[in-house]
C-alpha atoms as a PDB file:
ATOM      1  CA  MET A   1      10.562  12.844  -1.431  1.00  0.00           C
ATOM      2  CA  PRO A   2      12.124   9.753  -1.415  1.00  0.00           C
ATOM      3  CA  ILE A   3       9.952   7.269   0.568  1.00  0.00           C
ATOM      4  CA  THR A   4      11.550   3.850   2.062  1.00  0.00           C
ATOM      5  CA  GLY A   5       8.629   1.653   2.632  1.00  0.00           C
ATOM      6  CA  PRO A   6       8.766  -1.459   4.920  1.00  0.00           C
ATOM      7  CA  THR A   7      10.461  -3.817   2.196  1.00  0.00           C
ATOM      8  CA  GLY A   8      13.205  -1.499   2.304  1.00  0.00           C
ATOM      9  CA  ASN A   9      12.425   0.093  -1.413  1.00  0.00           C
ATOM     10  CA  THR A  10      12.899   3.692  -1.863  1.00  0.00           C
ATOM     11  CA  LYS A  11       9.905   4.810  -3.810  1.00  0.00           C
ATOM     12  CA  GLN A  12       9.980   8.713  -5.452  1.00  0.00           C
ATOM     13  CA  LEU A  13       6.718  10.180  -5.018  1.00  0.00           C
ATOM     14  CA  SER A  14       5.667  12.990  -6.866  1.00  0.00           C
ATOM     15  CA  LYS A  15       2.555  15.676  -6.545  1.00  0.00           C
ATOM     16  CA  GLY A  16      -0.583  13.770  -7.510  1.00  0.00           C
ATOM     17  CA  ASP A  17       1.020  10.376  -7.214  1.00  0.00           C
ATOM     18  CA  GLY A  18      -1.203   7.539  -5.047  1.00  0.00           C
ATOM     19  CA  LEU A  19      -0.034   6.852  -1.361  1.00  0.00           C
ATOM     20  CA  TYR A  20      -0.933   3.486  -1.293  1.00  0.00           C
ATOM     21  CA  GLU A  21       0.493   0.254  -3.352  1.00  0.00           C
ATOM     22  CA  VAL A  22      -0.118  -3.328  -3.307  1.00  0.00           C
ATOM     23  CA  GLN A  23       2.811  -5.186  -1.922  1.00  0.00           C
ATOM     24  CA  TYR A  24       3.757  -8.862  -1.640  1.00  0.00           C
ATOM     25  CA  GLN A  25       5.333  -9.286   1.843  1.00  0.00           C
ATOM     26  CA  PRO A  26       5.126 -13.059   2.866  1.00  0.00           C
ATOM     27  CA  ARG A  27       7.829 -12.449   5.944  1.00  0.00           C
ATOM     28  CA  LYS A  28       5.580 -10.040   7.727  1.00  0.00           C
ATOM     29  CA  ALA A  29       2.137 -11.708   7.189  1.00  0.00           C
ATOM     30  CA  PRO A  30       0.480 -12.230  10.385  1.00  0.00           C
ATOM     31  CA  ASP A  31      -1.394 -15.141   8.601  1.00  0.00           C
ATOM     32  CA  PRO A  32       0.991 -17.148   6.175  1.00  0.00           C
ATOM     33  CA  SER A  33      -2.444 -17.638   3.723  1.00  0.00           C
ATOM     34  CA  LYS A  34      -2.347 -13.558   3.501  1.00  0.00           C
ATOM     35  CA  PRO A  35       0.809 -12.233   2.012  1.00  0.00           C
ATOM     36  CA  TRP A  36      -0.869  -9.621  -0.006  1.00  0.00           C
ATOM     37  CA  CYS A  37      -1.000  -6.014   1.548  1.00  0.00           C
ATOM     38  CA  ILE A  38      -1.841  -2.604   0.763  1.00  0.00           C
ATOM     39  CA  THR A  39       1.050  -0.343   2.271  1.00  0.00           C
ATOM     40  CA  ASN A  40       0.932   3.359   2.722  1.00  0.00           C
ATOM     41  CA  LEU A  41       4.200   4.773   1.030  1.00  0.00           C
ATOM     42  CA  LYS A  42       4.715   7.735   2.635  1.00  0.00           C
ATOM     43  CA  THR A  43       4.527   5.963   6.050  1.00  0.00           C
ATOM     44  CA  GLY A  44       4.972   2.385   5.628  1.00  0.00           C
ATOM     45  CA  ASP A  45       2.174   1.296   7.467  1.00  0.00           C
ATOM     46  CA  ILE A  46       0.087  -1.950   6.331  1.00  0.00           C
ATOM     47  CA  ALA A  47      -2.772  -1.344   9.175  1.00  0.00           C
ATOM     48  CA  GLY A  48      -3.949  -4.827   9.049  1.00  0.00           C
ATOM     49  CA  ARG A  49      -4.701  -4.439   5.302  1.00  0.00           C
ATOM     50  CA  TRP A  50      -3.648  -8.330   4.669  1.00  0.00           C
ATOM     51  CA  HIS A  51      -5.326 -10.395   1.443  1.00  0.00           C
ATOM     52  CA  MET A  52      -4.748 -14.082   0.017  1.00  0.00           C
ATOM     53  CA  THR A  53      -4.270 -12.879  -3.426  1.00  0.00           C
ATOM     54  CA  LYS A  54      -2.992  -9.996  -5.045  1.00  0.00           C
ATOM     55  CA  SER A  55      -6.412  -9.297  -6.988  1.00  0.00           C
ATOM     56  CA  GLN A  56      -8.392  -9.219  -3.883  1.00  0.00           C
ATOM     57  CA  ALA A  57      -5.617  -6.534  -2.691  1.00  0.00           C
ATOM     58  CA  GLN A  58      -5.696  -4.713  -5.793  1.00  0.00           C
ATOM     59  CA  GLY A  59      -9.599  -4.526  -5.354  1.00  0.00           C
ATOM     60  CA  GLN A  60      -9.645  -3.271  -1.827  1.00  0.00           C
ATOM     61  CA  LEU A  61      -7.034  -0.224  -3.002  1.00  0.00           C
ATOM     62  CA  LYS A  62      -9.282   0.720  -6.002  1.00  0.00           C
ATOM     63  CA  ALA A  63     -12.166   1.118  -3.351  1.00  0.00           C
ATOM     64  CA  MET A  64      -9.912   3.151  -0.973  1.00  0.00           C
ATOM     65  CA  TYR A  65      -9.331   5.411  -3.918  1.00  0.00           C
ATOM     66  CA  ALA A  66     -12.383   5.611  -4.525  1.00  0.00           C
ATOM     67  CA  ASN A  67     -13.767   6.580  -0.953  1.00  0.00           C
ATOM     68  CA  MET A  68     -10.440   8.836  -0.066  1.00  0.00           C
ATOM     69  CA  GLY A  69     -10.807  10.390  -3.178  1.00  0.00           C
ATOM     70  CA  ASP A  70      -7.971  13.238  -3.257  1.00  0.00           C
ATOM     71  CA  LYS A  71      -6.993  11.917   0.111  1.00  0.00           C
ATOM     72  CA  ALA A  72      -4.924   9.149  -1.063  1.00  0.00           C
ATOM     73  CA  VAL A  73      -2.836  11.117  -3.233  1.00  0.00           C
ATOM     74  CA  TYR A  74       0.342  12.496  -2.421  1.00  0.00           C
ATOM     75  CA  SER A  75       0.072  16.801  -2.243  1.00  0.00           C
ATOM     76  CA  GLY A  76       3.544  17.403  -1.206  1.00  0.00           C
END
C-alpha cells in the first residue's frame, strides 16, 4: 500500500514495517528551533512530536516503539 506522507514522499509499507519515521520538516515546524518530527507514515500525522535534533527525535521514536510494541508496526 503506497503511503503519501506530509512531505509528499511516497513510502511503500509492507507487512511488518514500522509506522513511524523521523523526518526533517522545518517549514511545518511550529517552533523553528525544533525542525525534526516523528511522522505516522500511514496517516501523515505529526501530533506535536517536534524536536531540536535528529538524535532527540530518534530517541523518542525508539521509546515509542518500545512502548507500543506491535501497535507501531504496519499489519496490512
